[in-house]
Amino acid sequence: MARTQGSHSDITGPRVRDAALSLFAQHGYAAVSMRQIAAEVGVQAGALYNYTSDKQSLLFDLLKSHMDQLLASWMAQPEAPVAMQALEQFTRFHIRFHSERPEAVFISYMELRNLTPENFAVIEELRKDYETKLEDILRAGVAQNVFSVREPKVTAMALIAMLTGVNTWFKSDGRLSLEDVEQVYWDMVRKAVSKRTD
């Protein structure tokens, strides 16, 4: 199939993904057609198939790219020497990373149900990988006798859910800056897992 005149794969491909991300976040995956995505990009509907095989592939690509970026960005962080510092680093990293990608975060949670079983399994494995990063920090803190955590796996999932929730209410022009929010959440996370000293 001939590519639409004036389009280039290195330009139009990302535009297709950006358009799909925005439309899926606004209207939901099920309500968005390939024709709508094409119109948003400014190409004919048939031209989309130069960049993706179908709508399911687009959704999978968006969710997998988000998780790949999340894991790569976390692994690029300098290694903290002790568990308490690592937990603070994770807390602040998670809030900051996700606050910069509200649409990707939204569809990553809301559209999982629309993945095929095979695609869901891939994303689920990546999510478990990320959850394990935090779980390992919590286990290290228990071993270092600074954290009191009965179920590290459950605690890790609960903390991630809490931190991701910042995206549902934080506004950059609100009373608190993102740095303020990071500090508030870090105080809550620290108190939730720290051993009592009294």
N, C-alpha and C. Protein backbone atom coordinates (compact mmCIF):
# COMPACT_ATOMS: atom_id res chain seq x y z
N MET A 1 0.84 -1.19 0.00
CA MET A 1 0.00 0.00 0.00
C MET A 1 0.88 1.24 0.00
N ALA A 2 0.62 2.16 -0.86
CA ALA A 2 1.45 3.35 -0.97
C ALA A 2 1.24 4.26 0.22
N ARG A 3 2.33 4.84 0.71
CA ARG A 3 2.24 5.75 1.83
C ARG A 3 1.69 7.09 1.35
N THR A 4 0.87 7.74 2.18
CA THR A 4 0.31 9.03 1.82
C THR A 4 1.42 10.02 1.53
N GLN A 5 1.26 10.78 0.46
CA GLN A 5 2.30 11.72 0.05
C GLN A 5 2.61 12.68 1.19
N GLY A 6 3.90 12.87 1.42
CA GLY A 6 4.33 13.82 2.44
C GLY A 6 4.48 13.21 3.82
N SER A 7 4.09 11.96 4.00
CA SER A 7 4.24 11.32 5.30
C SER A 7 5.54 10.53 5.34
N HIS A 8 6.11 10.43 6.51
CA HIS A 8 7.36 9.70 6.70
C HIS A 8 7.20 8.83 7.93
N SER A 9 7.71 7.60 7.84
CA SER A 9 7.47 6.65 8.92
C SER A 9 8.01 7.15 10.26
N ASP A 10 9.15 7.85 10.26
CA ASP A 10 9.73 8.30 11.51
C ASP A 10 8.98 9.49 12.10
N ILE A 11 8.12 10.11 11.31
CA ILE A 11 7.29 11.22 11.79
C ILE A 11 5.86 10.76 12.01
N THR A 12 5.29 10.11 11.01
CA THR A 12 3.89 9.71 11.09
C THR A 12 3.67 8.59 12.09
N GLY A 13 4.61 7.65 12.20
CA GLY A 13 4.47 6.57 13.17
C GLY A 13 4.25 7.09 14.58
N PRO A 14 5.13 7.96 15.09
CA PRO A 14 4.91 8.53 16.42
C PRO A 14 3.62 9.34 16.51
N ARG A 15 3.25 10.02 15.43
CA ARG A 15 2.00 10.78 15.43
C ARG A 15 0.80 9.86 15.55
N VAL A 16 0.86 8.70 14.91
CA VAL A 16 -0.22 7.72 15.02
C VAL A 16 -0.34 7.26 16.48
N ARG A 17 0.79 6.95 17.11
CA ARG A 17 0.76 6.50 18.51
C ARG A 17 0.26 7.61 19.43
N ASP A 18 0.71 8.83 19.19
CA ASP A 18 0.26 9.96 20.02
C ASP A 18 -1.24 10.19 19.88
N ALA A 19 -1.73 10.09 18.66
CA ALA A 19 -3.16 10.28 18.42
C ALA A 19 -3.97 9.18 19.09
N ALA A 20 -3.51 7.95 18.96
CA ALA A 20 -4.20 6.82 19.58
C ALA A 20 -4.21 6.97 21.10
N LEU A 21 -3.08 7.36 21.67
CA LEU A 21 -2.99 7.55 23.12
C LEU A 21 -4.01 8.58 23.59
N SER A 22 -4.06 9.73 22.90
CA SER A 22 -4.97 10.80 23.28
C SER A 22 -6.43 10.37 23.14
N LEU A 23 -6.76 9.74 22.04
CA LEU A 23 -8.14 9.33 21.79
C LEU A 23 -8.58 8.21 22.74
N PHE A 24 -7.70 7.24 22.99
CA PHE A 24 -8.04 6.16 23.92
C PHE A 24 -8.28 6.73 25.32
N ALA A 25 -7.45 7.71 25.72
CA ALA A 25 -7.59 8.31 27.05
C ALA A 25 -8.88 9.12 27.16
N GLN A 26 -9.25 9.80 26.08
CA GLN A 26 -10.44 10.65 26.10
C GLN A 26 -11.73 9.87 26.00
N HIS A 27 -11.76 8.89 25.09
CA HIS A 27 -13.02 8.24 24.75
C HIS A 27 -13.08 6.75 25.11
N GLY A 28 -11.95 6.16 25.44
CA GLY A 28 -11.91 4.73 25.70
C GLY A 28 -11.58 3.96 24.44
N TYR A 29 -10.84 2.90 24.62
CA TYR A 29 -10.37 2.09 23.49
C TYR A 29 -11.52 1.59 22.62
N ALA A 30 -12.55 1.06 23.25
CA ALA A 30 -13.66 0.45 22.49
C ALA A 30 -14.39 1.46 21.62
N ALA A 31 -14.43 2.71 22.03
CA ALA A 31 -15.20 3.73 21.30
C ALA A 31 -14.42 4.38 20.16
N VAL A 32 -13.13 4.11 20.08
CA VAL A 32 -12.28 4.78 19.07
C VAL A 32 -12.07 3.86 17.87
N SER A 33 -12.26 4.39 16.69
CA SER A 33 -12.06 3.62 15.46
C SER A 33 -10.73 4.00 14.81
N MET A 34 -10.26 3.13 13.95
CA MET A 34 -9.05 3.43 13.19
C MET A 34 -9.27 4.67 12.31
N ARG A 35 -10.48 4.85 11.84
CA ARG A 35 -10.80 6.03 11.02
C ARG A 35 -10.63 7.32 11.83
N GLN A 36 -11.04 7.28 13.11
CA GLN A 36 -10.87 8.46 13.96
C GLN A 36 -9.39 8.76 14.19
N ILE A 37 -8.61 7.71 14.40
CA ILE A 37 -7.17 7.91 14.61
C ILE A 37 -6.54 8.51 13.36
N ALA A 38 -6.92 7.99 12.20
CA ALA A 38 -6.40 8.51 10.93
C ALA A 38 -6.76 9.98 10.75
N ALA A 39 -8.00 10.33 11.08
CA ALA A 39 -8.43 11.73 10.94
C ALA A 39 -7.63 12.64 11.86
N GLU A 40 -7.34 12.16 13.06
CA GLU A 40 -6.56 12.95 14.01
C GLU A 40 -5.14 13.20 13.50
N VAL A 41 -4.60 12.19 12.84
CA VAL A 41 -3.23 12.30 12.30
C VAL A 41 -3.21 13.11 11.00
N GLY A 42 -4.33 13.03 10.26
CA GLY A 42 -4.40 13.72 8.98
C GLY A 42 -3.98 12.85 7.81
N VAL A 43 -4.25 11.55 7.93
CA VAL A 43 -3.95 10.62 6.84
C VAL A 43 -5.21 9.83 6.52
N GLN A 44 -5.21 9.14 5.40
CA GLN A 44 -6.32 8.27 5.06
C GLN A 44 -6.30 7.05 5.97
N ALA A 45 -7.49 6.50 6.24
CA ALA A 45 -7.59 5.37 7.17
C ALA A 45 -6.71 4.21 6.73
N GLY A 46 -6.67 3.93 5.43
CA GLY A 46 -5.87 2.83 4.95
C GLY A 46 -4.39 3.01 5.18
N ALA A 47 -3.95 4.28 5.27
CA ALA A 47 -2.53 4.56 5.46
C ALA A 47 -2.04 4.14 6.85
N LEU A 48 -2.97 4.03 7.81
CA LEU A 48 -2.55 3.63 9.16
C LEU A 48 -1.88 2.27 9.18
N TYR A 49 -2.28 1.41 8.24
CA TYR A 49 -1.77 0.05 8.26
C TYR A 49 -0.33 -0.05 7.77
N ASN A 50 0.23 1.09 7.37
CA ASN A 50 1.67 1.15 7.13
C ASN A 50 2.44 1.22 8.45
N TYR A 51 1.73 1.58 9.53
CA TYR A 51 2.38 1.84 10.81
C TYR A 51 1.94 0.88 11.91
N THR A 52 0.80 0.23 11.73
CA THR A 52 0.32 -0.73 12.72
C THR A 52 -0.60 -1.73 12.03
N SER A 53 -0.63 -2.94 12.55
CA SER A 53 -1.46 -3.96 11.90
C SER A 53 -2.93 -3.81 12.25
N ASP A 54 -3.23 -3.33 13.46
CA ASP A 54 -4.62 -3.15 13.86
C ASP A 54 -4.67 -2.33 15.16
N LYS A 55 -5.88 -2.07 15.63
CA LYS A 55 -6.06 -1.24 16.83
C LYS A 55 -5.51 -1.94 18.07
N GLN A 56 -5.67 -3.26 18.16
CA GLN A 56 -5.14 -4.00 19.29
C GLN A 56 -3.62 -3.85 19.38
N SER A 57 -2.96 -3.89 18.24
CA SER A 57 -1.51 -3.72 18.22
C SER A 57 -1.11 -2.34 18.69
N LEU A 58 -1.91 -1.35 18.34
CA LEU A 58 -1.64 0.02 18.80
C LEU A 58 -1.74 0.10 20.32
N LEU A 59 -2.80 -0.46 20.89
CA LEU A 59 -2.98 -0.43 22.34
C LEU A 59 -1.83 -1.16 23.03
N PHE A 60 -1.50 -2.33 22.54
CA PHE A 60 -0.41 -3.11 23.13
C PHE A 60 0.91 -2.34 23.06
N ASP A 61 1.17 -1.72 21.91
CA ASP A 61 2.41 -0.95 21.74
C ASP A 61 2.48 0.20 22.75
N LEU A 62 1.35 0.88 22.97
CA LEU A 62 1.32 2.00 23.91
C LEU A 62 1.58 1.52 25.34
N LEU A 63 0.93 0.44 25.73
CA LEU A 63 1.10 -0.06 27.09
C LEU A 63 2.49 -0.64 27.32
N LYS A 64 3.00 -1.35 26.32
CA LYS A 64 4.33 -1.94 26.47
C LYS A 64 5.40 -0.86 26.46
N SER A 65 5.25 0.14 25.60
CA SER A 65 6.23 1.24 25.57
C SER A 65 6.27 1.96 26.91
N HIS A 66 5.10 2.16 27.49
CA HIS A 66 5.04 2.83 28.80
C HIS A 66 5.79 2.01 29.85
N MET A 67 5.56 0.71 29.89
CA MET A 67 6.23 -0.12 30.88
C MET A 67 7.72 -0.24 30.61
N ASP A 68 8.10 -0.33 29.34
CA ASP A 68 9.53 -0.38 29.00
C ASP A 68 10.24 0.89 29.44
N GLN A 69 9.61 2.03 29.20
CA GLN A 69 10.20 3.32 29.62
C GLN A 69 10.29 3.41 31.13
N LEU A 70 9.24 2.96 31.81
CA LEU A 70 9.22 3.00 33.27
C LEU A 70 10.37 2.17 33.85
N LEU A 71 10.50 0.95 33.38
CA LEU A 71 11.55 0.07 33.90
C LEU A 71 12.94 0.58 33.55
N ALA A 72 13.12 1.06 32.32
CA ALA A 72 14.43 1.57 31.91
C ALA A 72 14.80 2.81 32.71
N SER A 73 13.82 3.68 32.95
CA SER A 73 14.09 4.91 33.72
C SER A 73 14.44 4.59 35.16
N TRP A 74 13.76 3.61 35.74
CA TRP A 74 14.09 3.23 37.11
C TRP A 74 15.48 2.61 37.19
N MET A 75 15.81 1.75 36.24
CA MET A 75 17.11 1.10 36.26
C MET A 75 18.25 2.09 36.02
N ALA A 76 17.92 3.24 35.42
CA ALA A 76 18.94 4.26 35.17
C ALA A 76 19.21 5.12 36.41
N GLN A 77 18.40 4.96 37.45
CA GLN A 77 18.60 5.72 38.68
C GLN A 77 19.85 5.22 39.40
N PRO A 78 20.57 6.11 40.06
CA PRO A 78 21.74 5.66 40.82
C PRO A 78 21.29 4.76 41.97
N GLU A 79 22.06 3.73 42.24
CA GLU A 79 21.69 2.77 43.28
C GLU A 79 21.88 3.37 44.66
N ALA A 80 20.83 3.34 45.45
CA ALA A 80 20.90 3.88 46.81
C ALA A 80 21.58 2.86 47.72
N PRO A 81 22.41 3.32 48.66
CA PRO A 81 23.20 2.40 49.48
C PRO A 81 22.40 1.65 50.54
N VAL A 82 21.31 2.26 51.03
CA VAL A 82 20.52 1.60 52.08
C VAL A 82 19.04 1.63 51.69
N ALA A 83 18.27 0.76 52.32
CA ALA A 83 16.87 0.58 51.95
C ALA A 83 16.03 1.83 52.14
N MET A 84 16.25 2.58 53.21
CA MET A 84 15.45 3.78 53.45
C MET A 84 15.65 4.79 52.33
N GLN A 85 16.88 4.97 51.90
CA GLN A 85 17.16 5.89 50.79
C GLN A 85 16.57 5.36 49.48
N ALA A 86 16.65 4.05 49.30
CA ALA A 86 16.10 3.46 48.08
C ALA A 86 14.59 3.63 48.03
N LEU A 87 13.93 3.50 49.17
CA LEU A 87 12.48 3.66 49.22
C LEU A 87 12.09 5.10 48.93
N GLU A 88 12.82 6.04 49.48
CA GLU A 88 12.53 7.45 49.18
C GLU A 88 12.75 7.72 47.69
N GLN A 89 13.83 7.18 47.15
CA GLN A 89 14.12 7.37 45.73
C GLN A 89 13.00 6.80 44.88
N PHE A 90 12.52 5.61 45.22
CA PHE A 90 11.43 4.98 44.46
C PHE A 90 10.16 5.82 44.55
N THR A 91 9.84 6.28 45.75
CA THR A 91 8.63 7.08 45.96
C THR A 91 8.63 8.32 45.09
N ARG A 92 9.71 9.06 45.15
CA ARG A 92 9.79 10.30 44.37
C ARG A 92 9.86 10.02 42.87
N PHE A 93 10.58 8.99 42.49
CA PHE A 93 10.68 8.62 41.08
C PHE A 93 9.31 8.27 40.52
N HIS A 94 8.57 7.44 41.24
CA HIS A 94 7.27 6.98 40.74
C HIS A 94 6.31 8.16 40.54
N ILE A 95 6.25 9.04 41.50
CA ILE A 95 5.35 10.20 41.37
C ILE A 95 5.77 11.07 40.21
N ARG A 96 7.04 11.36 40.10
CA ARG A 96 7.54 12.26 39.05
C ARG A 96 7.35 11.64 37.67
N PHE A 97 7.71 10.39 37.50
CA PHE A 97 7.60 9.74 36.20
C PHE A 97 6.15 9.72 35.73
N HIS A 98 5.25 9.33 36.61
CA HIS A 98 3.85 9.19 36.21
C HIS A 98 3.15 10.52 36.03
N SER A 99 3.55 11.53 36.79
CA SER A 99 2.90 12.84 36.65
C SER A 99 3.18 13.46 35.28
N GLU A 100 4.26 13.04 34.65
CA GLU A 100 4.62 13.57 33.32
C GLU A 100 3.90 12.83 32.19
N ARG A 101 3.17 11.76 32.52
CA ARG A 101 2.54 10.93 31.49
C ARG A 101 1.11 10.55 31.89
N PRO A 102 0.25 11.52 32.15
CA PRO A 102 -1.08 11.20 32.67
C PRO A 102 -1.92 10.34 31.74
N GLU A 103 -1.86 10.57 30.43
CA GLU A 103 -2.67 9.78 29.51
C GLU A 103 -2.17 8.33 29.44
N ALA A 104 -0.86 8.16 29.40
CA ALA A 104 -0.30 6.81 29.36
C ALA A 104 -0.64 6.04 30.62
N VAL A 105 -0.59 6.72 31.77
CA VAL A 105 -0.93 6.07 33.04
C VAL A 105 -2.40 5.67 33.04
N PHE A 106 -3.26 6.56 32.56
CA PHE A 106 -4.69 6.30 32.56
C PHE A 106 -5.03 5.06 31.75
N ILE A 107 -4.53 4.99 30.51
CA ILE A 107 -4.90 3.82 29.69
C ILE A 107 -4.18 2.57 30.17
N SER A 108 -3.02 2.73 30.82
CA SER A 108 -2.30 1.56 31.33
C SER A 108 -3.11 0.82 32.39
N TYR A 109 -3.96 1.55 33.11
CA TYR A 109 -4.80 0.93 34.12
C TYR A 109 -6.20 0.63 33.61
N MET A 110 -6.77 1.55 32.83
CA MET A 110 -8.16 1.42 32.43
C MET A 110 -8.38 0.50 31.23
N GLU A 111 -7.36 0.33 30.41
CA GLU A 111 -7.56 -0.44 29.17
C GLU A 111 -6.91 -1.81 29.18
N LEU A 112 -6.39 -2.23 30.31
CA LEU A 112 -5.80 -3.58 30.39
C LEU A 112 -6.81 -4.65 29.98
N ARG A 113 -8.07 -4.42 30.35
CA ARG A 113 -9.12 -5.41 30.07
C ARG A 113 -9.35 -5.60 28.58
N ASN A 114 -8.91 -4.65 27.76
CA ASN A 114 -9.13 -4.73 26.32
C ASN A 114 -7.98 -5.40 25.57
N LEU A 115 -6.96 -5.84 26.28
CA LEU A 115 -5.87 -6.56 25.64
C LEU A 115 -6.28 -8.01 25.40
N THR A 116 -5.74 -8.61 24.36
CA THR A 116 -5.91 -10.04 24.16
C THR A 116 -5.19 -10.76 25.30
N PRO A 117 -5.55 -12.00 25.59
CA PRO A 117 -4.87 -12.74 26.67
C PRO A 117 -3.35 -12.79 26.49
N GLU A 118 -2.90 -12.95 25.26
CA GLU A 118 -1.45 -13.02 25.00
C GLU A 118 -0.78 -11.68 25.31
N ASN A 119 -1.39 -10.60 24.86
CA ASN A 119 -0.82 -9.27 25.11
C ASN A 119 -0.91 -8.90 26.59
N PHE A 120 -2.01 -9.28 27.23
CA PHE A 120 -2.17 -9.02 28.66
C PHE A 120 -1.06 -9.70 29.45
N ALA A 121 -0.72 -10.92 29.08
CA ALA A 121 0.32 -11.67 29.80
C ALA A 121 1.66 -10.95 29.74
N VAL A 122 1.97 -10.34 28.59
CA VAL A 122 3.23 -9.61 28.45
C VAL A 122 3.25 -8.39 29.36
N ILE A 123 2.17 -7.62 29.35
CA ILE A 123 2.10 -6.40 30.18
C ILE A 123 2.09 -6.77 31.66
N GLU A 124 1.36 -7.82 32.00
CA GLU A 124 1.30 -8.26 33.39
C GLU A 124 2.68 -8.64 33.91
N GLU A 125 3.48 -9.28 33.07
CA GLU A 125 4.83 -9.67 33.47
C GLU A 125 5.71 -8.44 33.71
N LEU A 126 5.57 -7.43 32.85
CA LEU A 126 6.33 -6.19 33.03
C LEU A 126 5.91 -5.47 34.30
N ARG A 127 4.62 -5.45 34.58
CA ARG A 127 4.13 -4.82 35.80
C ARG A 127 4.65 -5.55 37.04
N LYS A 128 4.68 -6.87 36.99
CA LYS A 128 5.21 -7.65 38.11
C LYS A 128 6.70 -7.35 38.30
N ASP A 129 7.41 -7.17 37.21
CA ASP A 129 8.83 -6.84 37.28
C ASP A 129 9.03 -5.53 38.04
N TYR A 130 8.20 -4.53 37.73
CA TYR A 130 8.30 -3.24 38.40
C TYR A 130 7.90 -3.35 39.87
N GLU A 131 6.83 -4.06 40.15
CA GLU A 131 6.40 -4.26 41.53
C GLU A 131 7.48 -4.95 42.34
N THR A 132 8.20 -5.87 41.70
CA THR A 132 9.26 -6.59 42.39
C THR A 132 10.41 -5.67 42.79
N LYS A 133 10.64 -4.61 42.01
CA LYS A 133 11.69 -3.65 42.37
C LYS A 133 11.40 -3.06 43.75
N LEU A 134 10.15 -2.67 43.96
CA LEU A 134 9.77 -2.11 45.26
C LEU A 134 9.74 -3.19 46.33
N GLU A 135 9.25 -4.36 45.99
CA GLU A 135 9.21 -5.46 46.94
C GLU A 135 10.61 -5.79 47.45
N ASP A 136 11.58 -5.77 46.55
CA ASP A 136 12.97 -6.05 46.94
C ASP A 136 13.50 -4.99 47.91
N ILE A 137 13.12 -3.73 47.68
CA ILE A 137 13.52 -2.65 48.60
C ILE A 137 12.93 -2.90 49.98
N LEU A 138 11.66 -3.28 50.02
CA LEU A 138 11.00 -3.53 51.30
C LEU A 138 11.64 -4.71 52.02
N ARG A 139 11.96 -5.76 51.29
CA ARG A 139 12.61 -6.93 51.91
C ARG A 139 13.99 -6.56 52.44
N ALA A 140 14.68 -5.70 51.69
CA ALA A 140 16.00 -5.26 52.15
C ALA A 140 15.86 -4.45 53.43
N GLY A 141 14.82 -3.62 53.50
CA GLY A 141 14.60 -2.82 54.71
C GLY A 141 14.28 -3.68 55.92
N VAL A 142 13.55 -4.76 55.71
CA VAL A 142 13.26 -5.70 56.79
C VAL A 142 14.57 -6.37 57.24
N ALA A 143 15.38 -6.77 56.27
CA ALA A 143 16.66 -7.41 56.59
C ALA A 143 17.60 -6.46 57.32
N GLN A 144 17.51 -5.17 57.00
CA GLN A 144 18.35 -4.16 57.64
C GLN A 144 17.75 -3.68 58.97
N ASN A 145 16.60 -4.25 59.33
CA ASN A 145 15.93 -3.95 60.59
C ASN A 145 15.45 -2.50 60.70
N VAL A 146 15.07 -1.92 59.55
CA VAL A 146 14.53 -0.56 59.57
C VAL A 146 13.06 -0.52 59.14
N PHE A 147 12.57 -1.58 58.48
CA PHE A 147 11.18 -1.64 58.05
C PHE A 147 10.45 -2.74 58.82
N SER A 148 9.20 -2.47 59.12
CA SER A 148 8.32 -3.48 59.70
C SER A 148 7.22 -3.74 58.67
N VAL A 149 7.41 -4.77 57.87
CA VAL A 149 6.49 -5.09 56.78
C VAL A 149 6.15 -6.56 56.84
N ARG A 150 4.88 -6.86 57.08
CA ARG A 150 4.46 -8.25 57.23
C ARG A 150 4.42 -8.96 55.88
N GLU A 151 3.89 -8.28 54.85
CA GLU A 151 3.74 -8.88 53.52
C GLU A 151 4.35 -7.94 52.47
N PRO A 152 5.64 -8.08 52.16
CA PRO A 152 6.28 -7.16 51.23
C PRO A 152 5.59 -7.06 49.87
N LYS A 153 5.11 -8.17 49.35
CA LYS A 153 4.47 -8.15 48.04
C LYS A 153 3.18 -7.33 48.07
N VAL A 154 2.34 -7.60 49.05
CA VAL A 154 1.08 -6.87 49.18
C VAL A 154 1.36 -5.40 49.46
N THR A 155 2.33 -5.14 50.33
CA THR A 155 2.67 -3.75 50.67
C THR A 155 3.17 -3.01 49.44
N ALA A 156 3.99 -3.66 48.62
CA ALA A 156 4.49 -3.03 47.40
C ALA A 156 3.35 -2.63 46.48
N MET A 157 2.39 -3.52 46.28
CA MET A 157 1.27 -3.21 45.40
C MET A 157 0.41 -2.08 45.97
N ALA A 158 0.23 -2.08 47.30
CA ALA A 158 -0.56 -1.03 47.94
C ALA A 158 0.12 0.33 47.81
N LEU A 159 1.43 0.35 48.01
CA LEU A 159 2.16 1.62 47.90
C LEU A 159 2.14 2.14 46.47
N ILE A 160 2.32 1.27 45.50
CA ILE A 160 2.28 1.69 44.10
C ILE A 160 0.92 2.27 43.75
N ALA A 161 -0.15 1.62 44.22
CA ALA A 161 -1.49 2.13 43.96
C ALA A 161 -1.67 3.51 44.57
N MET A 162 -1.16 3.70 45.79
CA MET A 162 -1.28 5.00 46.45
C MET A 162 -0.50 6.07 45.69
N LEU A 163 0.72 5.76 45.29
CA LEU A 163 1.55 6.73 44.60
C LEU A 163 0.98 7.08 43.22
N THR A 164 0.46 6.10 42.52
CA THR A 164 -0.12 6.34 41.20
C THR A 164 -1.36 7.21 41.32
N GLY A 165 -2.03 7.14 42.45
CA GLY A 165 -3.24 7.94 42.67
C GLY A 165 -3.01 9.43 42.61
N VAL A 166 -1.76 9.87 42.75
CA VAL A 166 -1.47 11.30 42.64
C VAL A 166 -1.99 11.86 41.31
N ASN A 167 -1.91 11.04 40.26
CA ASN A 167 -2.34 11.49 38.94
C ASN A 167 -3.82 11.84 38.87
N THR A 168 -4.62 11.31 39.78
CA THR A 168 -6.06 11.55 39.72
C THR A 168 -6.46 12.92 40.26
N TRP A 169 -5.55 13.57 41.00
CA TRP A 169 -5.96 14.84 41.59
C TRP A 169 -4.94 15.96 41.46
N PHE A 170 -3.67 15.64 41.24
CA PHE A 170 -2.65 16.69 41.23
C PHE A 170 -2.82 17.63 40.04
N LYS A 171 -2.74 18.94 40.32
CA LYS A 171 -2.76 19.97 39.28
C LYS A 171 -1.51 20.83 39.45
N SER A 172 -0.80 21.05 38.36
CA SER A 172 0.46 21.80 38.43
C SER A 172 0.26 23.24 38.90
N ASP A 173 -0.95 23.77 38.72
CA ASP A 173 -1.21 25.14 39.16
C ASP A 173 -1.94 25.18 40.50
N GLY A 174 -1.94 24.07 41.22
CA GLY A 174 -2.61 23.99 42.51
C GLY A 174 -1.77 24.57 43.64
N ARG A 175 -2.28 24.42 44.85
CA ARG A 175 -1.62 25.00 46.02
C ARG A 175 -0.27 24.37 46.29
N LEU A 176 -0.15 23.06 46.03
CA LEU A 176 1.09 22.34 46.30
C LEU A 176 1.86 22.10 45.01
N SER A 177 3.17 22.26 45.07
CA SER A 177 4.01 21.91 43.93
C SER A 177 4.20 20.40 43.92
N LEU A 178 4.73 19.89 42.81
CA LEU A 178 4.99 18.46 42.74
C LEU A 178 6.00 18.05 43.80
N GLU A 179 6.98 18.90 44.07
CA GLU A 179 7.97 18.61 45.10
C GLU A 179 7.31 18.52 46.48
N ASP A 180 6.33 19.40 46.73
CA ASP A 180 5.58 19.35 47.99
C ASP A 180 4.84 18.03 48.12
N VAL A 181 4.20 17.63 47.02
CA VAL A 181 3.44 16.38 47.02
C VAL A 181 4.36 15.18 47.25
N GLU A 182 5.52 15.19 46.60
CA GLU A 182 6.49 14.13 46.81
C GLU A 182 6.84 14.01 48.29
N GLN A 183 7.04 15.13 48.95
CA GLN A 183 7.42 15.12 50.36
C GLN A 183 6.30 14.58 51.23
N VAL A 184 5.07 15.01 50.94
CA VAL A 184 3.91 14.53 51.71
C VAL A 184 3.78 13.01 51.57
N TYR A 185 3.89 12.53 50.35
CA TYR A 185 3.75 11.09 50.11
C TYR A 185 4.92 10.32 50.68
N TRP A 186 6.12 10.89 50.60
CA TRP A 186 7.25 10.20 51.19
C TRP A 186 7.07 10.06 52.69
N ASP A 187 6.56 11.10 53.36
CA ASP A 187 6.31 11.02 54.79
C ASP A 187 5.33 9.89 55.10
N MET A 188 4.27 9.75 54.27
CA MET A 188 3.29 8.69 54.50
C MET A 188 3.89 7.31 54.27
N VAL A 189 4.65 7.18 53.19
CA VAL A 189 5.27 5.89 52.88
C VAL A 189 6.25 5.49 53.98
N ARG A 190 7.07 6.43 54.40
CA ARG A 190 8.07 6.13 55.44
C ARG A 190 7.42 5.69 56.74
N LYS A 191 6.37 6.41 57.13
CA LYS A 191 5.69 6.07 58.38
C LYS A 191 4.95 4.73 58.27
N ALA A 192 4.50 4.40 57.07
CA ALA A 192 3.76 3.16 56.88
C ALA A 192 4.61 1.92 57.05
N VAL A 193 5.90 2.04 56.75
CA VAL A 193 6.76 0.83 56.77
C VAL A 193 7.83 0.85 57.86
N SER A 194 8.08 2.00 58.45
CA SER A 194 9.18 2.10 59.42
C SER A 194 8.86 1.37 60.72
N LYS A 195 9.88 0.84 61.34
CA LYS A 195 9.73 0.21 62.64
C LYS A 195 9.50 1.30 63.67
N ARG A 196 8.64 1.01 64.63
CA ARG A 196 8.42 1.94 65.74
C ARG A 196 9.64 1.97 66.65
N THR A 197 9.98 3.17 67.09
CA THR A 197 11.14 3.31 67.99
C THR A 197 10.72 3.60 69.42
N ASP A 198 9.37 3.78 69.61
CA ASP A 198 8.93 4.10 70.99
C ASP A 198 8.57 2.83 71.76
